[in-house]
Amino acid sequence: MKNLERITIDANICHGKPCIRNMRWPVVVLLDLLGSGMSYEEILSDHPELELEDIYAAINYAALYMNKLPLKEVA
């Protein structure tokens, strides 16, 4: 899967939750925005620090998580 290098896990950032590029943007928050109906364009417009590839990475990470595959196995 593409863009998984954008997902980082650091015990010192957001309590070790998977985040976007070591920023305080947990993957789950980005997924919540998508689930609420926001479009990619709306998210990127409201949060210019994010990039389209970050959204793709969050979705890819969620798919791996649902298949119970650790990030280290596929990255």
Protein backbone atom coordinates (compact mmCIF):
# COMPACT_ATOMS: atom_id res chain seq x y z
CA MET A 1 0.00 0.00 0.00
CA LYS A 2 1.16 3.48 -0.78
CA ASN A 3 1.96 6.36 1.54
CA LEU A 4 2.30 4.31 4.72
CA GLU A 5 5.57 6.07 5.54
CA ARG A 6 3.35 9.05 6.38
CA ILE A 7 1.89 7.16 9.35
CA THR A 8 4.10 7.46 12.41
CA ILE A 9 3.83 6.03 15.87
CA ASP A 10 5.71 7.83 18.63
CA ALA A 11 5.02 7.33 22.33
CA ASN A 12 5.62 11.06 22.86
CA ILE A 13 3.03 12.20 20.32
CA CYS A 14 -0.69 11.69 20.99
CA HIS A 15 -0.01 8.92 23.52
CA GLY A 16 1.50 6.67 20.85
CA LYS A 17 -1.55 6.64 18.59
CA PRO A 18 -0.86 6.37 14.85
CA CYS A 19 -0.47 9.92 13.51
CA ILE A 20 0.15 11.72 10.27
CA ARG A 21 3.83 12.62 9.72
CA ASN A 22 4.70 13.04 13.41
CA MET A 23 2.14 15.82 13.65
CA ARG A 24 -0.54 15.84 16.29
CA TRP A 25 -3.02 14.51 13.75
CA PRO A 26 -4.15 11.04 14.83
CA VAL A 27 -5.28 8.83 11.98
CA VAL A 28 -8.61 8.29 13.75
CA VAL A 29 -9.38 12.04 13.66
CA LEU A 30 -8.84 12.17 9.92
CA LEU A 31 -11.06 9.12 9.49
CA ASP A 32 -13.72 10.75 11.68
CA LEU A 33 -13.70 13.81 9.40
CA LEU A 34 -14.18 11.59 6.35
CA GLY A 35 -16.89 9.62 8.13
CA SER A 36 -18.74 12.80 8.98
CA GLY A 37 -19.11 13.49 5.27
CA MET A 38 -16.33 15.99 4.71
CA SER A 39 -14.78 15.77 1.28
CA TYR A 40 -11.04 15.56 0.73
CA GLU A 41 -11.15 19.11 -0.58
CA GLU A 42 -12.95 20.41 2.51
CA ILE A 43 -10.49 18.75 4.85
CA LEU A 44 -7.49 20.08 2.96
CA SER A 45 -9.00 23.57 2.76
CA ASP A 46 -9.74 23.66 6.50
CA HIS A 47 -6.38 22.12 7.45
CA PRO A 48 -3.67 23.30 5.04
CA GLU A 49 -0.94 21.46 6.96
CA LEU A 50 -2.40 18.22 5.61
CA GLU A 51 -1.79 16.84 2.12
CA LEU A 52 -3.95 14.60 -0.05
CA GLU A 53 -1.43 11.78 0.42
CA ASP A 54 -2.03 12.01 4.19
CA ILE A 55 -5.70 11.20 3.66
CA TYR A 56 -4.82 8.26 1.44
CA ALA A 57 -2.32 7.04 4.03
CA ALA A 58 -4.95 7.20 6.79
CA ILE A 59 -7.38 5.16 4.70
CA ASN A 60 -4.69 2.62 3.82
CA TYR A 61 -3.69 2.32 7.47
CA ALA A 62 -7.31 1.75 8.47
CA ALA A 63 -7.60 -1.03 5.90
CA LEU A 64 -4.49 -2.71 7.29
CA TYR A 65 -5.76 -2.32 10.83
CA MET A 66 -9.07 -3.92 9.91
CA ASN A 67 -7.13 -6.86 8.45
CA LYS A 68 -5.04 -6.98 11.66
CA LEU A 69 -1.78 -6.46 9.79
CA PRO A 70 0.88 -4.53 11.72
CA LEU A 71 2.28 -1.49 9.96
CA LYS A 72 5.81 -2.88 10.33
CA GLU A 73 4.87 -5.98 8.30
CA VAL A 74 3.70 -4.08 5.24
CA ALA A 75 5.71 -0.85 5.28
